[in-house]
Amino acid sequence: MNQTLLHLTVSPRKTESYSRRYGQELVQSLCHANPGLQPTIRDLTSPVLPLPDEGFVEASLKPADQHTEKDKSALALSEQLIAELSAASSVVIDTPMHNFTVPASLKAWVDYIVRPNRTFKNTGSGKVGLLSNRPVFLIVACGGPVSEAAGAQTDHLTPYLRYVFQTIGITDFRSKTLDRMRRDPQRVKQADLEALQWTRQHRLLSNQVAG
């Protein structure tokens, strides 16, 4: 039975992007190791997602049985993105780190797929995700050092995305950050080996039911 892998690629750089390169290598490895896995690519830079507007926000706050045709139109892109995610048995996200967190294009995608009473519901004990669990693989590449050491930058990207997916019901979250990519060629060679090793560790998927 064929399953779908949703591949979100984020960097505005194309051939010079390390995150794109490592993400593509991971997708190829997953598809090779898991026969029947079919990739669906959404490049968040082409086309760029429009920012959520007033119509989307107002419609997303209404119960579904109160949606007008105007509301449905305002939610159409969100529904398309949620459908892609819901249909995927696994997800790969490759992205750079912009100003310590997610690039604007990835933040827009998050804003469209995290919706009350659609991908999560509010309860007395907090938010409960409405999507079934599946593996999410996150590969981050950044030019500077990322650590708790003095002079390094803090990673707000990874914990943020982990919390986002947890909110909508997806807790199988696996991440790899490759930092100092603009420091020297030797670091790039080391990152190539780290990415390859990480890919080999995670290339076998368990069967997950999307929904």
N, C-alpha and C. Protein backbone atom coordinates (compact mmCIF):
# COMPACT_ATOMS: atom_id res chain seq x y z
N MET A 1 0.84 -1.20 0.00
CA MET A 1 0.00 0.00 0.00
C MET A 1 0.88 1.25 0.00
N ASN A 2 0.66 2.13 -0.98
CA ASN A 2 1.45 3.35 -1.07
C ASN A 2 1.09 4.33 0.04
N GLN A 3 2.10 5.02 0.54
CA GLN A 3 1.90 6.07 1.53
C GLN A 3 2.57 7.34 1.04
N THR A 4 2.15 8.46 1.59
CA THR A 4 2.65 9.75 1.12
C THR A 4 3.60 10.36 2.14
N LEU A 5 4.72 10.87 1.65
CA LEU A 5 5.65 11.65 2.46
C LEU A 5 5.51 13.11 2.03
N LEU A 6 5.13 13.96 2.97
CA LEU A 6 5.04 15.39 2.69
C LEU A 6 6.40 16.03 2.95
N HIS A 7 6.96 16.64 1.91
CA HIS A 7 8.28 17.27 2.02
C HIS A 7 8.11 18.78 1.94
N LEU A 8 8.32 19.47 3.06
CA LEU A 8 8.28 20.93 3.10
C LEU A 8 9.71 21.44 3.01
N THR A 9 10.00 22.22 1.98
CA THR A 9 11.32 22.79 1.83
C THR A 9 11.18 24.31 1.89
N VAL A 10 12.07 24.97 2.61
CA VAL A 10 11.79 26.32 3.07
C VAL A 10 12.80 27.37 2.62
N SER A 11 14.04 27.00 2.43
CA SER A 11 15.07 28.01 2.18
C SER A 11 14.83 28.80 0.89
N PRO A 12 14.96 30.13 0.95
CA PRO A 12 14.87 30.93 -0.27
C PRO A 12 16.06 30.73 -1.19
N ARG A 13 17.14 30.18 -0.66
CA ARG A 13 18.28 29.82 -1.49
C ARG A 13 17.98 28.47 -2.15
N LYS A 14 18.47 28.28 -3.34
CA LYS A 14 18.18 27.04 -4.07
C LYS A 14 19.39 26.11 -4.04
N THR A 15 20.25 26.19 -5.06
CA THR A 15 21.37 25.26 -5.15
C THR A 15 22.40 25.46 -4.05
N GLU A 16 22.43 26.65 -3.44
CA GLU A 16 23.42 26.92 -2.40
C GLU A 16 22.92 26.59 -0.99
N SER A 17 21.73 26.05 -0.88
CA SER A 17 21.12 25.80 0.42
C SER A 17 21.56 24.45 0.98
N TYR A 18 22.14 24.46 2.17
CA TYR A 18 22.49 23.21 2.83
C TYR A 18 21.25 22.48 3.32
N SER A 19 20.27 23.20 3.87
CA SER A 19 19.07 22.53 4.39
C SER A 19 18.32 21.82 3.27
N ARG A 20 18.23 22.45 2.09
CA ARG A 20 17.57 21.79 0.96
C ARG A 20 18.32 20.51 0.56
N ARG A 21 19.62 20.60 0.54
CA ARG A 21 20.42 19.44 0.13
C ARG A 21 20.23 18.28 1.10
N TYR A 22 20.31 18.56 2.39
CA TYR A 22 20.17 17.50 3.37
C TYR A 22 18.74 16.96 3.41
N GLY A 23 17.77 17.85 3.22
CA GLY A 23 16.38 17.40 3.20
C GLY A 23 16.11 16.47 2.03
N GLN A 24 16.63 16.81 0.85
CA GLN A 24 16.45 15.97 -0.32
C GLN A 24 17.11 14.62 -0.13
N GLU A 25 18.30 14.62 0.47
CA GLU A 25 18.99 13.35 0.74
C GLU A 25 18.18 12.48 1.69
N LEU A 26 17.57 13.09 2.71
CA LEU A 26 16.75 12.33 3.65
C LEU A 26 15.52 11.76 2.96
N VAL A 27 14.85 12.55 2.13
CA VAL A 27 13.67 12.08 1.42
C VAL A 27 14.03 10.89 0.52
N GLN A 28 15.13 11.00 -0.20
CA GLN A 28 15.56 9.90 -1.07
C GLN A 28 15.85 8.64 -0.27
N SER A 29 16.49 8.81 0.89
CA SER A 29 16.81 7.66 1.73
C SER A 29 15.55 7.01 2.28
N LEU A 30 14.59 7.82 2.73
CA LEU A 30 13.34 7.29 3.27
C LEU A 30 12.57 6.53 2.19
N CYS A 31 12.51 7.10 1.00
CA CYS A 31 11.76 6.44 -0.08
C CYS A 31 12.45 5.14 -0.52
N HIS A 32 13.77 5.13 -0.47
CA HIS A 32 14.51 3.91 -0.84
C HIS A 32 14.30 2.81 0.21
N ALA A 33 14.31 3.20 1.48
CA ALA A 33 14.20 2.22 2.56
C ALA A 33 12.76 1.79 2.82
N ASN A 34 11.80 2.55 2.33
CA ASN A 34 10.39 2.26 2.58
C ASN A 34 9.64 2.20 1.25
N PRO A 35 9.65 1.04 0.58
CA PRO A 35 8.99 0.90 -0.73
C PRO A 35 7.52 1.31 -0.67
N GLY A 36 7.09 2.02 -1.68
CA GLY A 36 5.71 2.48 -1.73
C GLY A 36 5.51 3.87 -1.19
N LEU A 37 6.56 4.45 -0.58
CA LEU A 37 6.46 5.80 -0.04
C LEU A 37 6.61 6.81 -1.18
N GLN A 38 5.60 7.65 -1.36
CA GLN A 38 5.58 8.60 -2.47
C GLN A 38 5.71 10.02 -1.94
N PRO A 39 6.74 10.77 -2.38
CA PRO A 39 6.92 12.14 -1.88
C PRO A 39 5.99 13.13 -2.56
N THR A 40 5.45 14.03 -1.76
CA THR A 40 4.72 15.21 -2.24
C THR A 40 5.49 16.43 -1.77
N ILE A 41 5.96 17.25 -2.69
CA ILE A 41 6.81 18.38 -2.34
C ILE A 41 6.00 19.67 -2.30
N ARG A 42 6.15 20.40 -1.20
CA ARG A 42 5.62 21.77 -1.14
C ARG A 42 6.78 22.70 -0.83
N ASP A 43 7.18 23.44 -1.85
CA ASP A 43 8.23 24.44 -1.71
C ASP A 43 7.59 25.73 -1.23
N LEU A 44 7.88 26.11 0.01
CA LEU A 44 7.21 27.28 0.60
C LEU A 44 7.74 28.60 0.06
N THR A 45 8.68 28.55 -0.88
CA THR A 45 9.16 29.77 -1.52
C THR A 45 8.62 29.93 -2.93
N SER A 46 7.91 28.91 -3.44
CA SER A 46 7.46 28.96 -4.83
C SER A 46 6.20 28.09 -5.01
N PRO A 47 5.01 28.68 -4.87
CA PRO A 47 4.77 30.09 -4.57
C PRO A 47 4.85 30.36 -3.06
N VAL A 48 5.09 31.61 -2.71
CA VAL A 48 5.09 32.02 -1.31
C VAL A 48 3.65 32.07 -0.82
N LEU A 49 3.41 31.50 0.36
CA LEU A 49 2.06 31.54 0.93
C LEU A 49 1.70 32.98 1.32
N PRO A 50 0.49 33.42 1.02
CA PRO A 50 0.06 34.74 1.50
C PRO A 50 -0.09 34.71 3.02
N LEU A 51 0.12 35.84 3.65
CA LEU A 51 -0.08 35.89 5.09
C LEU A 51 -1.56 35.80 5.42
N PRO A 52 -1.92 35.12 6.51
CA PRO A 52 -3.33 35.07 6.91
C PRO A 52 -3.90 36.47 7.09
N ASP A 53 -5.09 36.69 6.56
CA ASP A 53 -5.71 38.01 6.64
C ASP A 53 -6.93 37.98 7.57
N GLU A 54 -7.64 39.10 7.62
CA GLU A 54 -8.79 39.22 8.53
C GLU A 54 -9.86 38.19 8.22
N GLY A 55 -10.11 37.96 6.92
CA GLY A 55 -11.13 36.99 6.54
C GLY A 55 -10.82 35.60 7.04
N PHE A 56 -9.55 35.20 6.94
CA PHE A 56 -9.14 33.88 7.42
C PHE A 56 -9.31 33.78 8.93
N VAL A 57 -8.83 34.79 9.64
CA VAL A 57 -8.89 34.77 11.10
C VAL A 57 -10.33 34.68 11.59
N GLU A 58 -11.20 35.51 11.03
CA GLU A 58 -12.60 35.50 11.46
C GLU A 58 -13.26 34.17 11.15
N ALA A 59 -13.00 33.62 9.97
CA ALA A 59 -13.62 32.34 9.58
C ALA A 59 -13.10 31.20 10.44
N SER A 60 -11.82 31.23 10.79
CA SER A 60 -11.23 30.14 11.56
C SER A 60 -11.76 30.10 12.99
N LEU A 61 -12.32 31.21 13.46
CA LEU A 61 -12.84 31.26 14.82
C LEU A 61 -14.31 30.84 14.90
N LYS A 62 -14.95 30.65 13.75
CA LYS A 62 -16.36 30.25 13.73
C LYS A 62 -16.51 28.74 13.74
N PRO A 63 -17.57 28.22 14.33
CA PRO A 63 -17.88 26.79 14.19
C PRO A 63 -18.12 26.46 12.72
N ALA A 64 -17.77 25.25 12.32
CA ALA A 64 -17.89 24.87 10.91
C ALA A 64 -19.32 24.99 10.39
N ASP A 65 -20.31 24.71 11.24
CA ASP A 65 -21.70 24.76 10.78
C ASP A 65 -22.21 26.20 10.59
N GLN A 66 -21.36 27.18 10.94
CA GLN A 66 -21.74 28.59 10.73
C GLN A 66 -20.98 29.24 9.59
N HIS A 67 -20.18 28.47 8.88
CA HIS A 67 -19.38 29.03 7.80
C HIS A 67 -20.25 29.42 6.61
N THR A 68 -20.06 30.63 6.15
CA THR A 68 -20.70 31.09 4.91
C THR A 68 -19.81 30.72 3.73
N GLU A 69 -20.31 30.97 2.51
CA GLU A 69 -19.48 30.72 1.33
C GLU A 69 -18.24 31.60 1.36
N LYS A 70 -18.35 32.81 1.88
CA LYS A 70 -17.20 33.69 2.01
C LYS A 70 -16.18 33.11 2.99
N ASP A 71 -16.66 32.55 4.09
CA ASP A 71 -15.77 31.92 5.07
C ASP A 71 -15.05 30.73 4.45
N LYS A 72 -15.79 29.91 3.71
CA LYS A 72 -15.19 28.74 3.09
C LYS A 72 -14.11 29.14 2.09
N SER A 73 -14.33 30.21 1.38
CA SER A 73 -13.32 30.71 0.44
C SER A 73 -12.08 31.19 1.19
N ALA A 74 -12.30 31.87 2.32
CA ALA A 74 -11.18 32.37 3.11
C ALA A 74 -10.36 31.23 3.72
N LEU A 75 -10.99 30.09 3.93
CA LEU A 75 -10.32 28.95 4.55
C LEU A 75 -9.80 27.93 3.53
N ALA A 76 -10.00 28.21 2.25
CA ALA A 76 -9.68 27.21 1.22
C ALA A 76 -8.21 26.81 1.22
N LEU A 77 -7.31 27.77 1.32
CA LEU A 77 -5.88 27.44 1.33
C LEU A 77 -5.53 26.65 2.58
N SER A 78 -6.06 27.05 3.70
CA SER A 78 -5.82 26.33 4.94
C SER A 78 -6.29 24.88 4.82
N GLU A 79 -7.47 24.68 4.25
CA GLU A 79 -8.00 23.33 4.08
C GLU A 79 -7.09 22.49 3.18
N GLN A 80 -6.56 23.12 2.14
CA GLN A 80 -5.65 22.41 1.23
C GLN A 80 -4.38 21.97 1.96
N LEU A 81 -3.81 22.87 2.75
CA LEU A 81 -2.58 22.54 3.47
C LEU A 81 -2.82 21.49 4.55
N ILE A 82 -3.94 21.60 5.24
CA ILE A 82 -4.27 20.60 6.27
C ILE A 82 -4.51 19.24 5.63
N ALA A 83 -5.15 19.22 4.47
CA ALA A 83 -5.40 17.96 3.77
C ALA A 83 -4.09 17.30 3.37
N GLU A 84 -3.12 18.09 2.90
CA GLU A 84 -1.81 17.54 2.55
C GLU A 84 -1.14 16.91 3.77
N LEU A 85 -1.20 17.61 4.88
CA LEU A 85 -0.59 17.10 6.11
C LEU A 85 -1.33 15.87 6.62
N SER A 86 -2.64 15.90 6.60
CA SER A 86 -3.44 14.78 7.10
C SER A 86 -3.22 13.51 6.28
N ALA A 87 -3.00 13.67 4.98
CA ALA A 87 -2.82 12.52 4.10
C ALA A 87 -1.44 11.91 4.19
N ALA A 88 -0.49 12.64 4.76
CA ALA A 88 0.90 12.18 4.79
C ALA A 88 1.15 11.20 5.93
N SER A 89 1.82 10.11 5.63
CA SER A 89 2.20 9.15 6.66
C SER A 89 3.47 9.58 7.37
N SER A 90 4.22 10.51 6.77
CA SER A 90 5.42 11.08 7.38
C SER A 90 5.68 12.44 6.77
N VAL A 91 6.47 13.25 7.46
CA VAL A 91 6.73 14.63 7.03
C VAL A 91 8.23 14.91 7.17
N VAL A 92 8.80 15.54 6.15
CA VAL A 92 10.17 16.04 6.22
C VAL A 92 10.14 17.55 6.04
N ILE A 93 10.77 18.26 6.95
CA ILE A 93 10.89 19.72 6.85
C ILE A 93 12.38 20.05 6.83
N ASP A 94 12.83 20.70 5.77
CA ASP A 94 14.19 21.22 5.78
C ASP A 94 14.13 22.73 5.73
N THR A 95 14.87 23.37 6.62
CA THR A 95 14.74 24.82 6.76
C THR A 95 16.01 25.45 7.30
N PRO A 96 16.27 26.68 6.90
CA PRO A 96 17.31 27.45 7.60
C PRO A 96 16.74 28.03 8.88
N MET A 97 17.59 28.59 9.71
CA MET A 97 17.17 29.32 10.89
C MET A 97 17.31 30.80 10.60
N HIS A 98 16.21 31.55 10.70
CA HIS A 98 16.24 32.98 10.46
C HIS A 98 16.01 33.72 11.77
N ASN A 99 17.00 34.46 12.20
CA ASN A 99 16.87 35.25 13.44
C ASN A 99 16.40 34.40 14.61
N PHE A 100 17.05 33.24 14.75
CA PHE A 100 16.88 32.32 15.89
C PHE A 100 15.63 31.47 15.83
N THR A 101 14.81 31.61 14.77
CA THR A 101 13.57 30.85 14.74
C THR A 101 13.18 30.52 13.30
N VAL A 102 11.89 30.23 13.05
CA VAL A 102 11.46 29.78 11.73
C VAL A 102 11.41 30.94 10.73
N PRO A 103 11.74 30.70 9.46
CA PRO A 103 11.54 31.71 8.43
C PRO A 103 10.06 32.08 8.30
N ALA A 104 9.80 33.27 7.76
CA ALA A 104 8.43 33.77 7.66
C ALA A 104 7.53 32.84 6.86
N SER A 105 8.06 32.22 5.81
CA SER A 105 7.24 31.34 4.97
C SER A 105 6.77 30.11 5.74
N LEU A 106 7.62 29.58 6.62
CA LEU A 106 7.23 28.42 7.43
C LEU A 106 6.26 28.83 8.52
N LYS A 107 6.43 30.03 9.07
CA LYS A 107 5.49 30.53 10.07
C LYS A 107 4.10 30.68 9.47
N ALA A 108 4.02 31.15 8.21
CA ALA A 108 2.72 31.27 7.55
C ALA A 108 2.06 29.90 7.41
N TRP A 109 2.85 28.89 7.03
CA TRP A 109 2.30 27.53 6.92
C TRP A 109 1.76 27.06 8.26
N VAL A 110 2.50 27.31 9.33
CA VAL A 110 2.04 26.93 10.66
C VAL A 110 0.71 27.62 10.98
N ASP A 111 0.60 28.90 10.67
CA ASP A 111 -0.62 29.65 10.99
C ASP A 111 -1.83 29.10 10.24
N TYR A 112 -1.62 28.52 9.07
CA TYR A 112 -2.73 27.95 8.31
C TYR A 112 -3.13 26.56 8.79
N ILE A 113 -2.20 25.81 9.35
CA ILE A 113 -2.55 24.42 9.71
C ILE A 113 -2.88 24.24 11.19
N VAL A 114 -2.60 25.24 12.02
CA VAL A 114 -2.97 25.15 13.44
C VAL A 114 -4.27 25.92 13.63
N ARG A 115 -5.40 25.21 13.62
CA ARG A 115 -6.71 25.85 13.67
C ARG A 115 -7.60 25.21 14.73
N PRO A 116 -8.27 26.05 15.53
CA PRO A 116 -9.17 25.52 16.55
C PRO A 116 -10.32 24.75 15.92
N ASN A 117 -10.65 23.61 16.53
CA ASN A 117 -11.74 22.73 16.10
C ASN A 117 -11.53 22.15 14.71
N ARG A 118 -10.31 22.27 14.22
CA ARG A 118 -9.96 21.64 12.94
C ARG A 118 -8.76 20.73 13.11
N THR A 119 -7.68 21.25 13.69
CA THR A 119 -6.52 20.41 13.98
C THR A 119 -6.25 20.29 15.49
N PHE A 120 -6.95 21.07 16.29
CA PHE A 120 -6.89 20.91 17.74
C PHE A 120 -8.19 21.43 18.34
N LYS A 121 -8.47 21.00 19.56
CA LYS A 121 -9.63 21.51 20.27
C LYS A 121 -9.21 21.94 21.67
N ASN A 122 -9.90 22.92 22.20
CA ASN A 122 -9.64 23.39 23.56
C ASN A 122 -10.48 22.59 24.55
N THR A 123 -9.84 22.17 25.62
CA THR A 123 -10.54 21.45 26.68
C THR A 123 -10.17 22.08 28.02
N GLY A 124 -10.80 21.61 29.06
CA GLY A 124 -10.51 22.14 30.38
C GLY A 124 -9.10 21.87 30.84
N SER A 125 -8.46 20.88 30.23
CA SER A 125 -7.08 20.55 30.61
C SER A 125 -6.06 20.99 29.55
N GLY A 126 -6.50 21.83 28.63
CA GLY A 126 -5.58 22.33 27.61
C GLY A 126 -5.97 21.90 26.22
N LYS A 127 -5.11 22.19 25.26
CA LYS A 127 -5.38 21.86 23.86
C LYS A 127 -5.14 20.37 23.61
N VAL A 128 -6.00 19.79 22.79
CA VAL A 128 -5.89 18.39 22.41
C VAL A 128 -5.82 18.31 20.89
N GLY A 129 -4.78 17.65 20.37
CA GLY A 129 -4.62 17.53 18.92
C GLY A 129 -5.66 16.62 18.30
N LEU A 130 -6.06 16.95 17.06
CA LEU A 130 -7.07 16.18 16.35
C LEU A 130 -6.49 15.37 15.19
N LEU A 131 -5.20 15.49 14.93
CA LEU A 131 -4.57 14.68 13.89
C LEU A 131 -3.90 13.47 14.53
N SER A 132 -3.82 12.39 13.77
CA SER A 132 -3.15 11.19 14.28
C SER A 132 -1.64 11.37 14.21
N ASN A 133 -0.95 10.59 15.02
CA ASN A 133 0.50 10.71 15.09
C ASN A 133 1.16 10.16 13.84
N ARG A 134 2.30 10.71 13.48
CA ARG A 134 3.14 10.23 12.38
C ARG A 134 4.53 10.83 12.55
N PRO A 135 5.57 10.25 11.95
CA PRO A 135 6.91 10.82 12.12
C PRO A 135 7.07 12.16 11.40
N VAL A 136 7.66 13.11 12.09
CA VAL A 136 8.06 14.38 11.49
C VAL A 136 9.57 14.49 11.64
N PHE A 137 10.25 14.71 10.53
CA PHE A 137 11.70 14.86 10.51
C PHE A 137 12.03 16.32 10.20
N LEU A 138 12.78 16.95 11.07
CA LEU A 138 13.17 18.34 10.90
C LEU A 138 14.68 18.44 10.74
N ILE A 139 15.11 19.05 9.63
CA ILE A 139 16.53 19.31 9.42
C ILE A 139 16.73 20.82 9.33
N VAL A 140 17.58 21.34 10.22
CA VAL A 140 17.84 22.77 10.30
C VAL A 140 19.31 23.02 9.97
N ALA A 141 19.57 24.00 9.13
CA ALA A 141 20.94 24.42 8.85
C ALA A 141 21.07 25.91 9.14
N CYS A 142 22.13 26.28 9.82
CA CYS A 142 22.34 27.69 10.14
C CYS A 142 23.83 28.03 10.08
N GLY A 143 24.12 29.28 9.78
CA GLY A 143 25.49 29.70 9.57
C GLY A 143 26.31 29.81 10.83
N GLY A 144 25.69 30.30 11.92
CA GLY A 144 26.42 30.53 13.17
C GLY A 144 26.30 29.37 14.13
N PRO A 145 27.00 29.46 15.26
CA PRO A 145 26.95 28.40 16.27
C PRO A 145 25.64 28.44 17.06
N VAL A 146 25.10 27.28 17.35
CA VAL A 146 23.88 27.15 18.15
C VAL A 146 24.19 26.28 19.35
N SER A 147 24.16 26.88 20.54
CA SER A 147 24.41 26.14 21.77
C SER A 147 24.11 27.05 22.94
N GLU A 148 24.37 26.56 24.13
CA GLU A 148 24.20 27.36 25.33
C GLU A 148 25.48 28.10 25.71
N ALA A 149 26.54 27.93 24.92
CA ALA A 149 27.82 28.56 25.23
C ALA A 149 27.76 30.06 25.01
N ALA A 150 28.63 30.78 25.68
CA ALA A 150 28.69 32.22 25.52
C ALA A 150 29.03 32.57 24.08
N GLY A 151 28.30 33.53 23.53
CA GLY A 151 28.54 33.96 22.16
C GLY A 151 27.77 33.18 21.11
N ALA A 152 27.14 32.07 21.49
CA ALA A 152 26.35 31.28 20.54
C ALA A 152 24.91 31.77 20.53
N GLN A 153 24.19 31.41 19.48
CA GLN A 153 22.79 31.82 19.40
C GLN A 153 21.88 30.72 19.94
N THR A 154 20.73 31.13 20.43
CA THR A 154 19.76 30.20 21.00
C THR A 154 18.83 29.68 19.91
N ASP A 155 18.55 28.40 19.96
CA ASP A 155 17.63 27.77 19.01
C ASP A 155 16.20 27.87 19.54
N HIS A 156 15.44 28.82 18.99
CA HIS A 156 14.01 28.91 19.31
C HIS A 156 13.17 28.17 18.27
N LEU A 157 13.80 27.74 17.18
CA LEU A 157 13.09 27.10 16.08
C LEU A 157 12.62 25.70 16.45
N THR A 158 13.54 24.87 16.92
CA THR A 158 13.21 23.47 17.16
C THR A 158 12.16 23.27 18.25
N PRO A 159 12.32 23.88 19.43
CA PRO A 159 11.28 23.69 20.45
C PRO A 159 9.93 24.25 20.03
N TYR A 160 9.95 25.33 19.24
CA TYR A 160 8.69 25.91 18.76
C TYR A 160 7.95 24.93 17.86
N LEU A 161 8.65 24.36 16.85
CA LEU A 161 7.99 23.42 15.95
C LEU A 161 7.57 22.15 16.67
N ARG A 162 8.37 21.69 17.62
CA ARG A 162 7.97 20.51 18.39
C ARG A 162 6.64 20.77 19.11
N TYR A 163 6.51 21.95 19.70
CA TYR A 163 5.28 22.30 20.42
C TYR A 163 4.10 22.45 19.45
N VAL A 164 4.35 23.03 18.28
CA VAL A 164 3.31 23.18 17.26
C VAL A 164 2.73 21.82 16.88
N PHE A 165 3.60 20.87 16.56
CA PHE A 165 3.11 19.56 16.14
C PHE A 165 2.47 18.80 17.30
N GLN A 166 3.00 18.96 18.49
CA GLN A 166 2.37 18.35 19.66
C GLN A 166 0.96 18.88 19.85
N THR A 167 0.77 20.16 19.61
CA THR A 167 -0.54 20.78 19.78
C THR A 167 -1.59 20.16 18.87
N ILE A 168 -1.19 19.77 17.66
CA ILE A 168 -2.17 19.21 16.72
C ILE A 168 -2.20 17.68 16.75
N GLY A 169 -1.45 17.07 17.67
CA GLY A 169 -1.55 15.63 17.89
C GLY A 169 -0.37 14.81 17.41
N ILE A 170 0.69 15.46 16.92
CA ILE A 170 1.83 14.74 16.36
C ILE A 170 3.01 14.86 17.32
N THR A 171 3.38 13.76 17.93
CA THR A 171 4.43 13.77 18.96
C THR A 171 5.71 13.06 18.51
N ASP A 172 5.66 12.34 17.38
CA ASP A 172 6.85 11.66 16.87
C ASP A 172 7.68 12.68 16.09
N PHE A 173 8.48 13.44 16.80
CA PHE A 173 9.20 14.59 16.25
C PHE A 173 10.70 14.34 16.38
N ARG A 174 11.41 14.29 15.26
CA ARG A 174 12.83 13.97 15.24
C ARG A 174 13.58 15.11 14.56
N SER A 175 14.57 15.66 15.19
CA SER A 175 15.22 16.85 14.65
C SER A 175 16.73 16.73 14.63
N LYS A 176 17.33 17.40 13.67
CA LYS A 176 18.78 17.50 13.56
C LYS A 176 19.15 18.92 13.16
N THR A 177 19.98 19.58 13.96
CA THR A 177 20.45 20.93 13.66
C THR A 177 21.93 20.88 13.29
N LEU A 178 22.25 21.46 12.16
CA LEU A 178 23.62 21.53 11.67
C LEU A 178 24.02 23.00 11.67
N ASP A 179 24.88 23.37 12.61
CA ASP A 179 25.24 24.78 12.77
C ASP A 179 26.65 25.05 12.25
N ARG A 180 27.02 26.32 12.28
CA ARG A 180 28.34 26.79 11.85
C ARG A 180 28.64 26.45 10.40
N MET A 181 27.60 26.45 9.55
CA MET A 181 27.76 26.03 8.17
C MET A 181 28.52 27.05 7.32
N ARG A 182 28.65 28.26 7.80
CA ARG A 182 29.37 29.27 7.03
C ARG A 182 30.74 29.57 7.64
N ARG A 183 31.22 28.67 8.49
CA ARG A 183 32.48 28.91 9.17
C ARG A 183 33.69 28.51 8.33
N ASP A 184 33.71 27.25 7.86
CA ASP A 184 34.84 26.81 7.06
C ASP A 184 34.47 25.51 6.36
N PRO A 185 35.20 25.15 5.28
CA PRO A 185 34.89 23.94 4.52
C PRO A 185 34.97 22.67 5.36
N GLN A 186 35.86 22.65 6.34
CA GLN A 186 35.98 21.46 7.18
C GLN A 186 34.71 21.21 7.97
N ARG A 187 34.07 22.28 8.43
CA ARG A 187 32.82 22.13 9.16
C ARG A 187 31.74 21.56 8.25
N VAL A 188 31.72 21.98 6.98
CA VAL A 188 30.73 21.45 6.04
C VAL A 188 30.93 19.96 5.84
N LYS A 189 32.17 19.53 5.72
CA LYS A 189 32.44 18.10 5.58
C LYS A 189 31.96 17.33 6.81
N GLN A 190 32.19 17.90 7.98
CA GLN A 190 31.72 17.26 9.21
C GLN A 190 30.20 17.19 9.24
N ALA A 191 29.53 18.28 8.80
CA ALA A 191 28.07 18.30 8.78
C ALA A 191 27.52 17.28 7.79
N ASP A 192 28.21 17.09 6.67
CA ASP A 192 27.79 16.07 5.71
C ASP A 192 27.75 14.69 6.36
N LEU A 193 28.77 14.39 7.15
CA LEU A 193 28.83 13.10 7.83
C LEU A 193 27.75 12.98 8.90
N GLU A 194 27.52 14.07 9.65
CA GLU A 194 26.49 14.06 10.70
C GLU A 194 25.11 13.84 10.08
N ALA A 195 24.84 14.53 8.98
CA ALA A 195 23.54 14.40 8.32
C ALA A 195 23.35 12.98 7.79
N LEU A 196 24.40 12.41 7.20
CA LEU A 196 24.31 11.05 6.67
C LEU A 196 24.05 10.05 7.79
N GLN A 197 24.76 10.19 8.89
CA GLN A 197 24.58 9.27 10.02
C GLN A 197 23.17 9.39 10.59
N TRP A 198 22.69 10.61 10.75
CA TRP A 198 21.34 10.83 11.28
C TRP A 198 20.29 10.23 10.36
N THR A 199 20.48 10.42 9.05
CA THR A 199 19.55 9.87 8.06
C THR A 199 19.49 8.35 8.15
N ARG A 200 20.65 7.72 8.27
CA ARG A 200 20.69 6.26 8.36
C ARG A 200 20.00 5.76 9.61
N GLN A 201 20.07 6.52 10.69
CA GLN A 201 19.44 6.11 11.95
C GLN A 201 17.92 6.17 11.88
N HIS A 202 17.39 7.03 11.01
CA HIS A 202 15.94 7.29 11.03
C HIS A 202 15.22 6.90 9.73
N ARG A 203 15.88 6.16 8.85
CA ARG A 203 15.29 5.95 7.54
C ARG A 203 14.18 4.90 7.51
N LEU A 204 14.13 4.02 8.52
CA LEU A 204 13.07 3.01 8.54
C LEU A 204 11.87 3.55 9.29
N LEU A 205 10.72 3.51 8.64
CA LEU A 205 9.48 4.05 9.22
C LEU A 205 8.60 2.92 9.71
N SER A 206 7.97 3.16 10.86
CA SER A 206 6.91 2.25 11.30
C SER A 206 5.62 2.66 10.62
N ASN A 207 4.68 1.74 10.53
CA ASN A 207 3.41 2.05 9.88
C ASN A 207 2.59 2.98 10.75
N GLN A 208 2.23 4.13 10.19
CA GLN A 208 1.40 5.09 10.88
C GLN A 208 0.15 5.34 10.05
N VAL A 209 -0.96 5.48 10.68
CA VAL A 209 -2.22 5.75 9.97
C VAL A 209 -2.46 7.25 10.01
N ALA A 210 -2.48 7.89 8.84
CA ALA A 210 -2.72 9.33 8.78
C ALA A 210 -4.21 9.60 8.92
N GLY A 211 -4.51 10.80 9.39
CA GLY A 211 -5.92 11.17 9.53
C GLY A 211 -6.06 12.54 10.14
